[in-house]
Amino acid sequence: MPYSTLTPPPGGKISITAGKLNVPDNPILPFIRGDGTGPDIWAASQRVFDAAIQKAYGGRRKVAWFESWQAKPLNRNSIIGCPTTR
């Protein structure tokens, strides 16, 4: 389903070709804020991930983080999303 009100950040698509994983220098990685850990943990984790990538690749690679809206946050933004269970 295409996004009607969200636009992914500039970045490359991760793919598999002939059984080989192809990761661009700027992969788009979706995340759900607070999924299982709480939003405060995600905020700290994202800074740690970015710092590790910076240190490992010297600025040559960088993740394009893309927040994926699900359930209640999704409904708050008037976008059709995943069904919720009750």
PDB file of N, CA and C in Angstrom:
ATOM      1  N   MET A   1       0.840  -1.174   0.000  1.00  0.00           N
ATOM      2  CA  MET A   1       0.000   0.000   0.000  1.00  0.00           C
ATOM      3  C   MET A   1       0.888   1.241   0.000  1.00  0.00           C
ATOM      4  N   PRO A   2       0.734   2.138  -0.947  1.00  0.00           N
ATOM      5  CA  PRO A   2       1.559   3.342  -0.970  1.00  0.00           C
ATOM      6  C   PRO A   2       1.151   4.312   0.137  1.00  0.00           C
ATOM      7  N   TYR A   3       2.109   5.085   0.590  1.00  0.00           N
ATOM      8  CA  TYR A   3       1.821   6.110   1.589  1.00  0.00           C
ATOM      9  C   TYR A   3       1.149   7.287   0.903  1.00  0.00           C
ATOM     10  N   SER A   4       0.095   7.813   1.514  1.00  0.00           N
ATOM     11  CA  SER A   4      -0.583   8.944   0.908  1.00  0.00           C
ATOM     12  C   SER A   4      -0.146  10.266   1.525  1.00  0.00           C
ATOM     13  N   THR A   5       0.334  10.244   2.765  1.00  0.00           N
ATOM     14  CA  THR A   5       0.747  11.488   3.395  1.00  0.00           C
ATOM     15  C   THR A   5       2.162  11.436   3.949  1.00  0.00           C
ATOM     16  N   LEU A   6       2.852  10.326   3.802  1.00  0.00           N
ATOM     17  CA  LEU A   6       4.233  10.204   4.263  1.00  0.00           C
ATOM     18  C   LEU A   6       5.156   9.989   3.081  1.00  0.00           C
ATOM     19  N   THR A   7       6.312  10.628   3.134  1.00  0.00           N
ATOM     20  CA  THR A   7       7.297  10.455   2.078  1.00  0.00           C
ATOM     21  C   THR A   7       8.578   9.933   2.697  1.00  0.00           C
ATOM     22  N   PRO A   8       9.105   8.803   2.212  1.00  0.00           N
ATOM     23  CA  PRO A   8      10.364   8.300   2.754  1.00  0.00           C
ATOM     24  C   PRO A   8      11.486   9.324   2.531  1.00  0.00           C
ATOM     25  N   PRO A   9      12.467   9.329   3.407  1.00  0.00           N
ATOM     26  CA  PRO A   9      13.594  10.251   3.226  1.00  0.00           C
ATOM     27  C   PRO A   9      14.441   9.819   2.032  1.00  0.00           C
ATOM     28  N   PRO A  10      15.269  10.716   1.516  1.00  0.00           N
ATOM     29  CA  PRO A  10      16.162  10.312   0.434  1.00  0.00           C
ATOM     30  C   PRO A  10      17.079   9.187   0.918  1.00  0.00           C
ATOM     31  N   GLY A  11      17.234   8.196   0.111  1.00  0.00           N
ATOM     32  CA  GLY A  11      18.081   7.070   0.469  1.00  0.00           C
ATOM     33  C   GLY A  11      17.909   5.945  -0.513  1.00  0.00           C
ATOM     34  N   GLY A  12      18.676   4.878  -0.301  1.00  0.00           N
ATOM     35  CA  GLY A  12      18.651   3.750  -1.212  1.00  0.00           C
ATOM     36  C   GLY A  12      17.893   2.563  -0.654  1.00  0.00           C
ATOM     37  N   LYS A  13      17.501   1.697  -1.555  1.00  0.00           N
ATOM     38  CA  LYS A  13      16.745   0.500  -1.202  1.00  0.00           C
ATOM     39  C   LYS A  13      17.692  -0.676  -0.981  1.00  0.00           C
ATOM     40  N   ILE A  14      17.475  -1.425   0.085  1.00  0.00           N
ATOM     41  CA  ILE A  14      18.226  -2.650   0.336  1.00  0.00           C
ATOM     42  C   ILE A  14      17.595  -3.734  -0.512  1.00  0.00           C
ATOM     43  N   SER A  15      18.425  -4.515  -1.219  1.00  0.00           N
ATOM     44  CA  SER A  15      17.893  -5.547  -2.102  1.00  0.00           C
ATOM     45  C   SER A  15      18.757  -6.804  -2.039  1.00  0.00           C
ATOM     46  N   ILE A  16      18.237  -7.855  -2.643  1.00  0.00           N
ATOM     47  CA  ILE A  16      18.982  -9.107  -2.784  1.00  0.00           C
ATOM     48  C   ILE A  16      18.993  -9.447  -4.265  1.00  0.00           C
ATOM     49  N   THR A  17      20.190  -9.640  -4.810  1.00  0.00           N
ATOM     50  CA  THR A  17      20.353 -10.000  -6.214  1.00  0.00           C
ATOM     51  C   THR A  17      21.222 -11.240  -6.289  1.00  0.00           C
ATOM     52  N   ALA A  18      20.708 -12.264  -6.932  1.00  0.00           N
ATOM     53  CA  ALA A  18      21.430 -13.536  -7.081  1.00  0.00           C
ATOM     54  C   ALA A  18      21.914 -14.051  -5.725  1.00  0.00           C
ATOM     55  N   GLY A  19      21.061 -13.910  -4.693  1.00  0.00           N
ATOM     56  CA  GLY A  19      21.398 -14.404  -3.372  1.00  0.00           C
ATOM     57  C   GLY A  19      22.363 -13.532  -2.592  1.00  0.00           C
ATOM     58  N   LYS A  20      22.735 -12.368  -3.134  1.00  0.00           N
ATOM     59  CA  LYS A  20      23.680 -11.471  -2.461  1.00  0.00           C
ATOM     60  C   LYS A  20      22.950 -10.228  -1.964  1.00  0.00           C
ATOM     61  N   LEU A  21      23.185  -9.899  -0.697  1.00  0.00           N
ATOM     62  CA  LEU A  21      22.574  -8.722  -0.094  1.00  0.00           C
ATOM     63  C   LEU A  21      23.286  -7.462  -0.598  1.00  0.00           C
ATOM     64  N   ASN A  22      22.511  -6.515  -1.094  1.00  0.00           N
ATOM     65  CA  ASN A  22      23.057  -5.240  -1.586  1.00  0.00           C
ATOM     66  C   ASN A  22      22.550  -4.120  -0.697  1.00  0.00           C
ATOM     67  N   VAL A  23      23.474  -3.502   0.039  1.00  0.00           N
ATOM     68  CA  VAL A  23      23.114  -2.410   0.943  1.00  0.00           C
ATOM     69  C   VAL A  23      23.796  -1.141   0.434  1.00  0.00           C
ATOM     70  N   PRO A  24      23.019  -0.124   0.057  1.00  0.00           N
ATOM     71  CA  PRO A  24      23.614   1.125  -0.422  1.00  0.00           C
ATOM     72  C   PRO A  24      24.281   1.891   0.725  1.00  0.00           C
ATOM     73  N   ASP A  25      25.014   2.937   0.394  1.00  0.00           N
ATOM     74  CA  ASP A  25      25.677   3.748   1.418  1.00  0.00           C
ATOM     75  C   ASP A  25      24.693   4.528   2.275  1.00  0.00           C
ATOM     76  N   ASN A  26      23.462   4.669   1.803  1.00  0.00           N
ATOM     77  CA  ASN A  26      22.446   5.422   2.546  1.00  0.00           C
ATOM     78  C   ASN A  26      21.109   4.660   2.580  1.00  0.00           C
ATOM     79  N   PRO A  27      21.096   3.476   3.199  1.00  0.00           N
ATOM     80  CA  PRO A  27      19.861   2.679   3.179  1.00  0.00           C
ATOM     81  C   PRO A  27      18.733   3.336   3.974  1.00  0.00           C
ATOM     82  N   ILE A  28      17.513   3.172   3.490  1.00  0.00           N
ATOM     83  CA  ILE A  28      16.338   3.623   4.224  1.00  0.00           C
ATOM     84  C   ILE A  28      15.923   2.489   5.152  1.00  0.00           C
ATOM     85  N   LEU A  29      15.889   2.774   6.453  1.00  0.00           N
ATOM     86  CA  LEU A  29      15.484   1.776   7.437  1.00  0.00           C
ATOM     87  C   LEU A  29      14.262   2.262   8.190  1.00  0.00           C
ATOM     88  N   PRO A  30      13.131   1.570   8.031  1.00  0.00           N
ATOM     89  CA  PRO A  30      11.937   1.966   8.783  1.00  0.00           C
ATOM     90  C   PRO A  30      12.055   1.535  10.241  1.00  0.00           C
ATOM     91  N   PHE A  31      11.418   2.297  11.112  1.00  0.00           N
ATOM     92  CA  PHE A  31      11.390   1.937  12.523  1.00  0.00           C
ATOM     93  C   PHE A  31      10.045   2.352  13.104  1.00  0.00           C
ATOM     94  N   ILE A  32       9.675   1.703  14.204  1.00  0.00           N
ATOM     95  CA  ILE A  32       8.477   2.061  14.941  1.00  0.00           C
ATOM     96  C   ILE A  32       8.949   2.591  16.289  1.00  0.00           C
ATOM     97  N   ARG A  33       8.735   3.857  16.530  1.00  0.00           N
ATOM     98  CA  ARG A  33       9.193   4.493  17.764  1.00  0.00           C
ATOM     99  C   ARG A  33       8.557   3.808  18.973  1.00  0.00           C
ATOM    100  N   GLY A  34       9.419   3.340  19.871  1.00  0.00           N
ATOM    101  CA  GLY A  34       8.940   2.725  21.100  1.00  0.00           C
ATOM    102  C   GLY A  34       8.423   1.314  20.967  1.00  0.00           C
ATOM    103  N   ASP A  35       8.641   0.659  19.843  1.00  0.00           N
ATOM    104  CA  ASP A  35       8.117  -0.689  19.640  1.00  0.00           C
ATOM    105  C   ASP A  35       8.811  -1.676  20.573  1.00  0.00           C
ATOM    106  N   GLY A  36       8.159  -1.969  21.691  1.00  0.00           N
ATOM    107  CA  GLY A  36       8.687  -2.950  22.634  1.00  0.00           C
ATOM    108  C   GLY A  36       9.704  -2.411  23.614  1.00  0.00           C
ATOM    109  N   THR A  37      10.165  -1.185  23.415  1.00  0.00           N
ATOM    110  CA  THR A  37      11.195  -0.649  24.300  1.00  0.00           C
ATOM    111  C   THR A  37      10.820   0.677  24.937  1.00  0.00           C
ATOM    112  N   GLY A  38       9.918   1.406  24.347  1.00  0.00           N
ATOM    113  CA  GLY A  38       9.580   2.738  24.834  1.00  0.00           C
ATOM    114  C   GLY A  38      10.284   3.786  23.994  1.00  0.00           C
ATOM    115  N   PRO A  39       9.637   4.929  23.765  1.00  0.00           N
ATOM    116  CA  PRO A  39      10.200   5.956  22.891  1.00  0.00           C
ATOM    117  C   PRO A  39      11.516   6.526  23.395  1.00  0.00           C
ATOM    118  N   ASP A  40      11.718   6.587  24.718  1.00  0.00           N
ATOM    119  CA  ASP A  40      12.970   7.127  25.241  1.00  0.00           C
ATOM    120  C   ASP A  40      14.147   6.214  24.914  1.00  0.00           C
ATOM    121  N   ILE A  41      13.937   4.906  24.938  1.00  0.00           N
ATOM    122  CA  ILE A  41      15.000   3.954  24.598  1.00  0.00           C
ATOM    123  C   ILE A  41      15.347   4.069  23.121  1.00  0.00           C
ATOM    124  N   TRP A  42      14.324   4.209  22.260  1.00  0.00           N
ATOM    125  CA  TRP A  42      14.596   4.328  20.831  1.00  0.00           C
ATOM    126  C   TRP A  42      15.423   5.573  20.533  1.00  0.00           C
ATOM    127  N   ALA A  43      15.101   6.691  21.140  1.00  0.00           N
ATOM    128  CA  ALA A  43      15.828   7.939  20.883  1.00  0.00           C
ATOM    129  C   ALA A  43      17.312   7.777  21.214  1.00  0.00           C
ATOM    130  N   ALA A  44      17.611   7.149  22.338  1.00  0.00           N
ATOM    131  CA  ALA A  44      19.005   6.916  22.722  1.00  0.00           C
ATOM    132  C   ALA A  44      19.659   5.899  21.787  1.00  0.00           C
ATOM    133  N   SER A  45      18.933   4.856  21.439  1.00  0.00           N
ATOM    134  CA  SER A  45      19.473   3.810  20.558  1.00  0.00           C
ATOM    135  C   SER A  45      19.829   4.373  19.194  1.00  0.00           C
ATOM    136  N   GLN A  46      18.968   5.211  18.655  1.00  0.00           N
ATOM    137  CA  GLN A  46      19.216   5.781  17.326  1.00  0.00           C
ATOM    138  C   GLN A  46      20.517   6.590  17.322  1.00  0.00           C
ATOM    139  N   ARG A  47      20.761   7.345  18.378  1.00  0.00           N
ATOM    140  CA  ARG A  47      22.019   8.110  18.466  1.00  0.00           C
ATOM    141  C   ARG A  47      23.221   7.171  18.531  1.00  0.00           C
ATOM    142  N   VAL A  48      23.087   6.068  19.267  1.00  0.00           N
ATOM    143  CA  VAL A  48      24.179   5.092  19.361  1.00  0.00           C
ATOM    144  C   VAL A  48      24.433   4.446  17.999  1.00  0.00           C
ATOM    145  N   PHE A  49      23.358   4.034  17.296  1.00  0.00           N
ATOM    146  CA  PHE A  49      23.517   3.431  15.965  1.00  0.00           C
ATOM    147  C   PHE A  49      24.209   4.397  15.009  1.00  0.00           C
ATOM    148  N   ASP A  50      23.757   5.655  15.001  1.00  0.00           N
ATOM    149  CA  ASP A  50      24.347   6.653  14.102  1.00  0.00           C
ATOM    150  C   ASP A  50      25.827   6.882  14.421  1.00  0.00           C
ATOM    151  N   ALA A  51      26.170   6.948  15.707  1.00  0.00           N
ATOM    152  CA  ALA A  51      27.570   7.150  16.107  1.00  0.00           C
ATOM    153  C   ALA A  51      28.429   5.949  15.710  1.00  0.00           C
ATOM    154  N   ALA A  52      27.893   4.733  15.853  1.00  0.00           N
ATOM    155  CA  ALA A  52      28.647   3.533  15.475  1.00  0.00           C
ATOM    156  C   ALA A  52      28.912   3.501  13.967  1.00  0.00           C
ATOM    157  N   ILE A  53      27.901   3.874  13.179  1.00  0.00           N
ATOM    158  CA  ILE A  53      28.064   3.895  11.723  1.00  0.00           C
ATOM    159  C   ILE A  53      29.076   4.970  11.334  1.00  0.00           C
ATOM    160  N   GLN A  54      28.995   6.131  11.978  1.00  0.00           N
ATOM    161  CA  GLN A  54      29.951   7.215  11.718  1.00  0.00           C
ATOM    162  C   GLN A  54      31.379   6.755  12.009  1.00  0.00           C
ATOM    163  N   LYS A  55      31.562   6.106  13.143  1.00  0.00           N
ATOM    164  CA  LYS A  55      32.904   5.646  13.531  1.00  0.00           C
ATOM    165  C   LYS A  55      33.413   4.550  12.594  1.00  0.00           C
ATOM    166  N   ALA A  56      32.544   3.617  12.244  1.00  0.00           N
ATOM    167  CA  ALA A  56      32.952   2.483  11.402  1.00  0.00           C
ATOM    168  C   ALA A  56      33.247   2.901   9.963  1.00  0.00           C
ATOM    169  N   TYR A  57      32.485   3.855   9.443  1.00  0.00           N
ATOM    170  CA  TYR A  57      32.612   4.195   8.022  1.00  0.00           C
ATOM    171  C   TYR A  57      33.115   5.612   7.771  1.00  0.00           C
ATOM    172  N   GLY A  58      33.449   6.343   8.819  1.00  0.00           N
ATOM    173  CA  GLY A  58      34.027   7.672   8.657  1.00  0.00           C
ATOM    174  C   GLY A  58      33.152   8.645   7.875  1.00  0.00           C
ATOM    175  N   GLY A  59      31.851   8.509   8.006  1.00  0.00           N
ATOM    176  CA  GLY A  59      30.946   9.420   7.317  1.00  0.00           C
ATOM    177  C   GLY A  59      30.580   8.990   5.902  1.00  0.00           C
ATOM    178  N   ARG A  60      31.183   7.912   5.408  1.00  0.00           N
ATOM    179  CA  ARG A  60      30.903   7.439   4.051  1.00  0.00           C
ATOM    180  C   ARG A  60      29.506   6.825   3.932  1.00  0.00           C
ATOM    181  N   ARG A  61      29.008   6.273   5.040  1.00  0.00           N
ATOM    182  CA  ARG A  61      27.679   5.652   5.039  1.00  0.00           C
ATOM    183  C   ARG A  61      26.835   6.284   6.129  1.00  0.00           C
ATOM    184  N   LYS A  62      25.521   6.323   5.893  1.00  0.00           N
ATOM    185  CA  LYS A  62      24.603   6.898   6.861  1.00  0.00           C
ATOM    186  C   LYS A  62      23.215   6.300   6.637  1.00  0.00           C
ATOM    187  N   VAL A  63      22.525   5.988   7.719  1.00  0.00           N
ATOM    188  CA  VAL A  63      21.178   5.436   7.622  1.00  0.00           C
ATOM    189  C   VAL A  63      20.169   6.572   7.447  1.00  0.00           C
ATOM    190  N   ALA A  64      19.234   6.365   6.539  1.00  0.00           N
ATOM    191  CA  ALA A  64      18.103   7.283   6.376  1.00  0.00           C
ATOM    192  C   ALA A  64      16.950   6.670   7.160  1.00  0.00           C
ATOM    193  N   TRP A  65      16.732   7.134   8.380  1.00  0.00           N
ATOM    194  CA  TRP A  65      15.691   6.588   9.244  1.00  0.00           C
ATOM    195  C   TRP A  65      14.322   7.041   8.753  1.00  0.00           C
ATOM    196  N   PHE A  66      13.373   6.101   8.724  1.00  0.00           N
ATOM    197  CA  PHE A  66      12.018   6.390   8.257  1.00  0.00           C
ATOM    198  C   PHE A  66      11.023   5.859   9.282  1.00  0.00           C
ATOM    199  N   GLU A  67      10.374   6.760   9.998  1.00  0.00           N
ATOM    200  CA  GLU A  67       9.428   6.332  11.022  1.00  0.00           C
ATOM    201  C   GLU A  67       8.190   5.727  10.385  1.00  0.00           C
ATOM    202  N   SER A  68       7.896   4.496  10.783  1.00  0.00           N
ATOM    203  CA  SER A  68       6.736   3.773  10.279  1.00  0.00           C
ATOM    204  C   SER A  68       5.611   3.922  11.289  1.00  0.00           C
ATOM    205  N   TRP A  69       4.514   4.531  10.874  1.00  0.00           N
ATOM    206  CA  TRP A  69       3.389   4.763  11.768  1.00  0.00           C
ATOM    207  C   TRP A  69       2.488   3.534  11.781  1.00  0.00           C
ATOM    208  N   GLN A  70       2.156   3.078  12.965  1.00  0.00           N
ATOM    209  CA  GLN A  70       1.287   1.914  13.136  1.00  0.00           C
ATOM    210  C   GLN A  70       0.250   2.224  14.201  1.00  0.00           C
ATOM    211  N   ALA A  71      -0.862   1.569  14.132  1.00  0.00           N
ATOM    212  CA  ALA A  71      -1.924   1.609  15.152  1.00  0.00           C
ATOM    213  C   ALA A  71      -2.294   3.034  15.568  1.00  0.00           C
ATOM    214  N   LYS A  72      -2.193   3.363  16.858  1.00  0.00           N
ATOM    215  CA  LYS A  72      -2.674   4.646  17.357  1.00  0.00           C
ATOM    216  C   LYS A  72      -1.967   5.852  16.741  1.00  0.00           C
ATOM    217  N   PRO A  73      -0.616   5.892  16.668  1.00  0.00           N
ATOM    218  CA  PRO A  73      -0.003   7.057  16.021  1.00  0.00           C
ATOM    219  C   PRO A  73      -0.475   7.203  14.575  1.00  0.00           C
ATOM    220  N   LEU A  74      -0.687   6.080  13.913  1.00  0.00           N
ATOM    221  CA  LEU A  74      -1.151   6.103  12.539  1.00  0.00           C
ATOM    222  C   LEU A  74      -2.539   6.729  12.449  1.00  0.00           C
ATOM    223  N   ASN A  75      -3.438   6.307  13.335  1.00  0.00           N
ATOM    224  CA  ASN A  75      -4.790   6.844  13.334  1.00  0.00           C
ATOM    225  C   ASN A  75      -4.799   8.332  13.631  1.00  0.00           C
ATOM    226  N   ARG A  76      -3.880   8.778  14.467  1.00  0.00           N
ATOM    227  CA  ARG A  76      -3.779  10.186  14.810  1.00  0.00           C
ATOM    228  C   ARG A  76      -3.457  11.024  13.578  1.00  0.00           C
ATOM    229  N   ASN A  77      -2.775  10.427  12.602  1.00  0.00           N
ATOM    230  CA  ASN A  77      -2.398  11.145  11.391  1.00  0.00           C
ATOM    231  C   ASN A  77      -3.344  10.863  10.229  1.00  0.00           C
ATOM    232  N   SER A  78      -4.478  10.257  10.509  1.00  0.00           N
ATOM    233  CA  SER A  78      -5.515   9.994   9.507  1.00  0.00           C
ATOM    234  C   SER A  78      -5.016   9.183   8.321  1.00  0.00           C
ATOM    235  N   ILE A  79      -4.243   8.155   8.601  1.00  0.00           N
ATOM    236  CA  ILE A  79      -3.747   7.266   7.559  1.00  0.00           C
ATOM    237  C   ILE A  79      -4.277   5.874   7.871  1.00  0.00           C
ATOM    238  N   ILE A  80      -4.727   5.149   6.884  1.00  0.00           N
ATOM    239  CA  ILE A  80      -5.200   3.787   7.113  1.00  0.00           C
ATOM    240  C   ILE A  80      -3.999   2.920   7.436  1.00  0.00           C
ATOM    241  N   GLY A  81      -4.072   2.144   8.515  1.00  0.00           N
ATOM    242  CA  GLY A  81      -2.922   1.363   8.927  1.00  0.00           C
ATOM    243  C   GLY A  81      -3.262  -0.052   9.287  1.00  0.00           C
ATOM    244  N   CYS A  82      -2.432  -0.622  10.119  1.00  0.00           N
ATOM    245  CA  CYS A  82      -2.595  -2.005  10.547  1.00  0.00           C
ATOM    246  C   CYS A  82      -3.799  -2.127  11.471  1.00  0.00           C
ATOM    247  N   PRO A  83      -4.520  -3.244  11.373  1.00  0.00           N
ATOM    248  CA  PRO A  83      -5.650  -3.443  12.285  1.00  0.00           C
ATOM    249  C   PRO A  83      -5.151  -3.636  13.710  1.00  0.00           C
ATOM    250  N   THR A  84      -5.917  -3.204  14.669  1.00  0.00           N
ATOM    251  CA  THR A  84      -5.551  -3.405  16.060  1.00  0.00           C
ATOM    252  C   THR A  84      -6.396  -4.543  16.617  1.00  0.00           C
ATOM    253  N   THR A  85      -5.875  -5.207  17.629  1.00  0.00           N
ATOM    254  CA  THR A  85      -6.613  -6.304  18.273  1.00  0.00           C
ATOM    255  C   THR A  85      -7.116  -5.821  19.625  1.00  0.00           C
ATOM    256  N   ARG A  86      -8.217  -6.351  20.032  1.00  0.00           N
ATOM    257  CA  ARG A  86      -8.778  -5.986  21.346  1.00  0.00           C
ATOM    258  C   ARG A  86      -9.124  -7.218  22.105  1.00  0.00           C
TER     259      ARG A  86
END
